[in-house]
Amino acid sequence: MNKAELVEAVAEKAELSKRDAEAAVDAVLEVIEAAVVKGEEVKLSGFGFFS
């Protein structure tokens, strides 16, 4: 699954426009990236672990 497919799936699942879903996906990725850059670990139960 690439980002465009993820955005489409989120839009469908959350009943959002693709624009709103893309904004949400981007926000989540930015928050994860910022935490990792600061040296924090991000643990999303059932999804993944980022460090």
PDB file of N, CA and C in Angstrom:
ATOM      1  N   MET A   1       0.859  -1.178   0.000  1.00  0.00           N
ATOM      2  CA  MET A   1       0.000   0.000   0.000  1.00  0.00           C
ATOM      3  C   MET A   1       0.898   1.232   0.000  1.00  0.00           C
ATOM      4  N   ASN A   2       0.638   2.136  -0.917  1.00  0.00           N
ATOM      5  CA  ASN A   2       1.375   3.394  -0.933  1.00  0.00           C
ATOM      6  C   ASN A   2       0.531   4.483  -0.267  1.00  0.00           C
ATOM      7  N   LYS A   3       1.088   5.697  -0.204  1.00  0.00           N
ATOM      8  CA  LYS A   3       0.398   6.768   0.508  1.00  0.00           C
ATOM      9  C   LYS A   3      -0.957   7.090  -0.119  1.00  0.00           C
ATOM     10  N   ALA A   4      -1.021   7.141  -1.440  1.00  0.00           N
ATOM     11  CA  ALA A   4      -2.286   7.459  -2.116  1.00  0.00           C
ATOM     12  C   ALA A   4      -3.356   6.426  -1.786  1.00  0.00           C
ATOM     13  N   GLU A   5      -2.964   5.162  -1.735  1.00  0.00           N
ATOM     14  CA  GLU A   5      -3.909   4.099  -1.389  1.00  0.00           C
ATOM     15  C   GLU A   5      -4.333   4.212   0.070  1.00  0.00           C
ATOM     16  N   LEU A   6      -3.394   4.576   0.934  1.00  0.00           N
ATOM     17  CA  LEU A   6      -3.714   4.770   2.352  1.00  0.00           C
ATOM     18  C   LEU A   6      -4.701   5.914   2.517  1.00  0.00           C
ATOM     19  N   VAL A   7      -4.461   7.010   1.834  1.00  0.00           N
ATOM     20  CA  VAL A   7      -5.367   8.156   1.906  1.00  0.00           C
ATOM     21  C   VAL A   7      -6.763   7.758   1.438  1.00  0.00           C
ATOM     22  N   GLU A   8      -6.838   7.030   0.344  1.00  0.00           N
ATOM     23  CA  GLU A   8      -8.135   6.593  -0.178  1.00  0.00           C
ATOM     24  C   GLU A   8      -8.850   5.690   0.827  1.00  0.00           C
ATOM     25  N   ALA A   9      -8.113   4.776   1.439  1.00  0.00           N
ATOM     26  CA  ALA A   9      -8.703   3.857   2.413  1.00  0.00           C
ATOM     27  C   ALA A   9      -9.192   4.606   3.651  1.00  0.00           C
ATOM     28  N   VAL A  10      -8.399   5.563   4.119  1.00  0.00           N
ATOM     29  CA  VAL A  10      -8.793   6.354   5.283  1.00  0.00           C
ATOM     30  C   VAL A  10     -10.033   7.182   4.953  1.00  0.00           C
ATOM     31  N   ALA A  11     -10.052   7.770   3.775  1.00  0.00           N
ATOM     32  CA  ALA A  11     -11.213   8.561   3.361  1.00  0.00           C
ATOM     33  C   ALA A  11     -12.477   7.716   3.375  1.00  0.00           C
ATOM     34  N   GLU A  12     -12.356   6.523   2.838  1.00  0.00           N
ATOM     35  CA  GLU A  12     -13.512   5.625   2.777  1.00  0.00           C
ATOM     36  C   GLU A  12     -13.935   5.166   4.168  1.00  0.00           C
ATOM     37  N   LYS A  13     -12.974   4.726   4.962  1.00  0.00           N
ATOM     38  CA  LYS A  13     -13.270   4.170   6.285  1.00  0.00           C
ATOM     39  C   LYS A  13     -13.843   5.229   7.234  1.00  0.00           C
ATOM     40  N   ALA A  14     -13.283   6.440   7.181  1.00  0.00           N
ATOM     41  CA  ALA A  14     -13.703   7.495   8.106  1.00  0.00           C
ATOM     42  C   ALA A  14     -14.768   8.417   7.506  1.00  0.00           C
ATOM     43  N   GLU A  15     -15.197   8.089   6.294  1.00  0.00           N
ATOM     44  CA  GLU A  15     -16.185   8.901   5.600  1.00  0.00           C
ATOM     45  C   GLU A  15     -15.744  10.357   5.511  1.00  0.00           C
ATOM     46  N   LEU A  16     -14.512  10.546   5.038  1.00  0.00           N
ATOM     47  CA  LEU A  16     -13.924  11.866   4.858  1.00  0.00           C
ATOM     48  C   LEU A  16     -13.693  12.116   3.375  1.00  0.00           C
ATOM     49  N   SER A  17     -13.532  13.378   3.030  1.00  0.00           N
ATOM     50  CA  SER A  17     -13.105  13.677   1.666  1.00  0.00           C
ATOM     51  C   SER A  17     -11.651  13.236   1.535  1.00  0.00           C
ATOM     52  N   LYS A  18     -11.205  13.024   0.316  1.00  0.00           N
ATOM     53  CA  LYS A  18      -9.803  12.639   0.125  1.00  0.00           C
ATOM     54  C   LYS A  18      -8.879  13.742   0.620  1.00  0.00           C
ATOM     55  N   ARG A  19      -9.288  14.993   0.461  1.00  0.00           N
ATOM     56  CA  ARG A  19      -8.464  16.111   0.937  1.00  0.00           C
ATOM     57  C   ARG A  19      -8.314  16.054   2.458  1.00  0.00           C
ATOM     58  N   ASP A  20      -9.424  15.817   3.168  1.00  0.00           N
ATOM     59  CA  ASP A  20      -9.365  15.735   4.628  1.00  0.00           C
ATOM     60  C   ASP A  20      -8.589  14.505   5.081  1.00  0.00           C
ATOM     61  N   ALA A  21      -8.772  13.396   4.399  1.00  0.00           N
ATOM     62  CA  ALA A  21      -8.040  12.173   4.745  1.00  0.00           C
ATOM     63  C   ALA A  21      -6.546  12.368   4.527  1.00  0.00           C
ATOM     64  N   GLU A  22      -6.177  13.029   3.441  1.00  0.00           N
ATOM     65  CA  GLU A  22      -4.761  13.274   3.187  1.00  0.00           C
ATOM     66  C   GLU A  22      -4.159  14.167   4.265  1.00  0.00           C
ATOM     67  N   ALA A  23      -4.908  15.177   4.690  1.00  0.00           N
ATOM     68  CA  ALA A  23      -4.444  16.058   5.764  1.00  0.00           C
ATOM     69  C   ALA A  23      -4.249  15.268   7.058  1.00  0.00           C
ATOM     70  N   ALA A  24      -5.159  14.358   7.340  1.00  0.00           N
ATOM     71  CA  ALA A  24      -5.053  13.536   8.554  1.00  0.00           C
ATOM     72  C   ALA A  24      -3.848  12.601   8.476  1.00  0.00           C
ATOM     73  N   VAL A  25      -3.677  11.932   7.343  1.00  0.00           N
ATOM     74  CA  VAL A  25      -2.535  11.020   7.173  1.00  0.00           C
ATOM     75  C   VAL A  25      -1.233  11.807   7.285  1.00  0.00           C
ATOM     76  N   ASP A  26      -1.154  12.954   6.613  1.00  0.00           N
ATOM     77  CA  ASP A  26       0.054  13.784   6.688  1.00  0.00           C
ATOM     78  C   ASP A  26       0.340  14.204   8.125  1.00  0.00           C
ATOM     79  N   ALA A  27      -0.698  14.592   8.852  1.00  0.00           N
ATOM     80  CA  ALA A  27      -0.513  15.024  10.243  1.00  0.00           C
ATOM     81  C   ALA A  27       0.029  13.895  11.102  1.00  0.00           C
ATOM     82  N   VAL A  28      -0.515  12.712  10.945  1.00  0.00           N
ATOM     83  CA  VAL A  28      -0.045  11.560  11.727  1.00  0.00           C
ATOM     84  C   VAL A  28       1.422  11.275  11.412  1.00  0.00           C
ATOM     85  N   LEU A  29       1.758  11.259  10.135  1.00  0.00           N
ATOM     86  CA  LEU A  29       3.142  10.981   9.747  1.00  0.00           C
ATOM     87  C   LEU A  29       4.093  12.055  10.250  1.00  0.00           C
ATOM     88  N   GLU A  30       3.667  13.308  10.204  1.00  0.00           N
ATOM     89  CA  GLU A  30       4.505  14.404  10.706  1.00  0.00           C
ATOM     90  C   GLU A  30       4.733  14.294  12.209  1.00  0.00           C
ATOM     91  N   VAL A  31       3.698  13.923  12.948  1.00  0.00           N
ATOM     92  CA  VAL A  31       3.835  13.776  14.401  1.00  0.00           C
ATOM     93  C   VAL A  31       4.791  12.633  14.728  1.00  0.00           C
ATOM     94  N   ILE A  32       4.665  11.514  14.029  1.00  0.00           N
ATOM     95  CA  ILE A  32       5.562  10.380  14.246  1.00  0.00           C
ATOM     96  C   ILE A  32       6.989  10.782  13.908  1.00  0.00           C
ATOM     97  N   GLU A  33       7.172  11.437  12.761  1.00  0.00           N
ATOM     98  CA  GLU A  33       8.510  11.849  12.344  1.00  0.00           C
ATOM     99  C   GLU A  33       9.138  12.802  13.356  1.00  0.00           C
ATOM    100  N   ALA A  34       8.386  13.777  13.825  1.00  0.00           N
ATOM    101  CA  ALA A  34       8.906  14.747  14.789  1.00  0.00           C
ATOM    102  C   ALA A  34       9.337  14.065  16.081  1.00  0.00           C
ATOM    103  N   ALA A  35       8.554  13.098  16.541  1.00  0.00           N
ATOM    104  CA  ALA A  35       8.903  12.381  17.766  1.00  0.00           C
ATOM    105  C   ALA A  35      10.185  11.580  17.575  1.00  0.00           C
ATOM    106  N   VAL A  36      10.310  10.911  16.443  1.00  0.00           N
ATOM    107  CA  VAL A  36      11.496  10.100  16.170  1.00  0.00           C
ATOM    108  C   VAL A  36      12.731  10.987  16.038  1.00  0.00           C
ATOM    109  N   VAL A  37      12.591  12.126  15.382  1.00  0.00           N
ATOM    110  CA  VAL A  37      13.711  13.054  15.226  1.00  0.00           C
ATOM    111  C   VAL A  37      14.193  13.539  16.591  1.00  0.00           C
ATOM    112  N   LYS A  38      13.270  13.707  17.536  1.00  0.00           N
ATOM    113  CA  LYS A  38      13.632  14.135  18.891  1.00  0.00           C
ATOM    114  C   LYS A  38      14.210  12.997  19.717  1.00  0.00           C
ATOM    115  N   GLY A  39      14.285  11.808  19.133  1.00  0.00           N
ATOM    116  CA  GLY A  39      14.842  10.668  19.852  1.00  0.00           C
ATOM    117  C   GLY A  39      13.822   9.871  20.634  1.00  0.00           C
ATOM    118  N   GLU A  40      12.567  10.202  20.483  1.00  0.00           N
ATOM    119  CA  GLU A  40      11.516   9.470  21.187  1.00  0.00           C
ATOM    120  C   GLU A  40      11.153   8.200  20.416  1.00  0.00           C
ATOM    121  N   GLU A  41      10.638   7.238  21.119  1.00  0.00           N
ATOM    122  CA  GLU A  41      10.126   6.033  20.485  1.00  0.00           C
ATOM    123  C   GLU A  41       8.612   6.182  20.347  1.00  0.00           C
ATOM    124  N   VAL A  42       8.091   5.718  19.250  1.00  0.00           N
ATOM    125  CA  VAL A  42       6.652   5.758  19.010  1.00  0.00           C
ATOM    126  C   VAL A  42       6.171   4.316  18.899  1.00  0.00           C
ATOM    127  N   LYS A  43       5.299   3.928  19.787  1.00  0.00           N
ATOM    128  CA  LYS A  43       4.759   2.569  19.799  1.00  0.00           C
ATOM    129  C   LYS A  43       3.252   2.651  19.574  1.00  0.00           C
ATOM    130  N   LEU A  44       2.798   2.093  18.472  1.00  0.00           N
ATOM    131  CA  LEU A  44       1.375   2.047  18.172  1.00  0.00           C
ATOM    132  C   LEU A  44       0.943   0.593  18.254  1.00  0.00           C
ATOM    133  N   SER A  45       0.312   0.260  19.353  1.00  0.00           N
ATOM    134  CA  SER A  45      -0.074  -1.118  19.616  1.00  0.00           C
ATOM    135  C   SER A  45      -0.834  -1.716  18.442  1.00  0.00           C
ATOM    136  N   GLY A  46      -0.381  -2.863  17.981  1.00  0.00           N
ATOM    137  CA  GLY A  46      -1.016  -3.542  16.882  1.00  0.00           C
ATOM    138  C   GLY A  46      -0.646  -2.991  15.515  1.00  0.00           C
ATOM    139  N   PHE A  47       0.229  -1.989  15.483  1.00  0.00           N
ATOM    140  CA  PHE A  47       0.606  -1.385  14.200  1.00  0.00           C
ATOM    141  C   PHE A  47       2.102  -1.400  13.975  1.00  0.00           C
ATOM    142  N   GLY A  48       2.835  -0.749  14.881  1.00  0.00           N
ATOM    143  CA  GLY A  48       4.276  -0.692  14.652  1.00  0.00           C
ATOM    144  C   GLY A  48       5.012   0.035  15.744  1.00  0.00           C
ATOM    145  N   PHE A  49       6.327  -0.026  15.623  1.00  0.00           N
ATOM    146  CA  PHE A  49       7.232   0.595  16.573  1.00  0.00           C
ATOM    147  C   PHE A  49       8.244   1.395  15.746  1.00  0.00           C
ATOM    148  N   PHE A  50       8.396   2.671  16.065  1.00  0.00           N
ATOM    149  CA  PHE A  50       9.295   3.527  15.308  1.00  0.00           C
ATOM    150  C   PHE A  50      10.319   4.139  16.260  1.00  0.00           C
ATOM    151  N   SER A  51      11.567   4.158  15.831  1.00  0.00           N
ATOM    152  CA  SER A  51      12.599   4.791  16.659  1.00  0.00           C
ATOM    153  C   SER A  51      13.656   5.398  15.775  1.00  0.00           C
TER     154      SER A  51
END
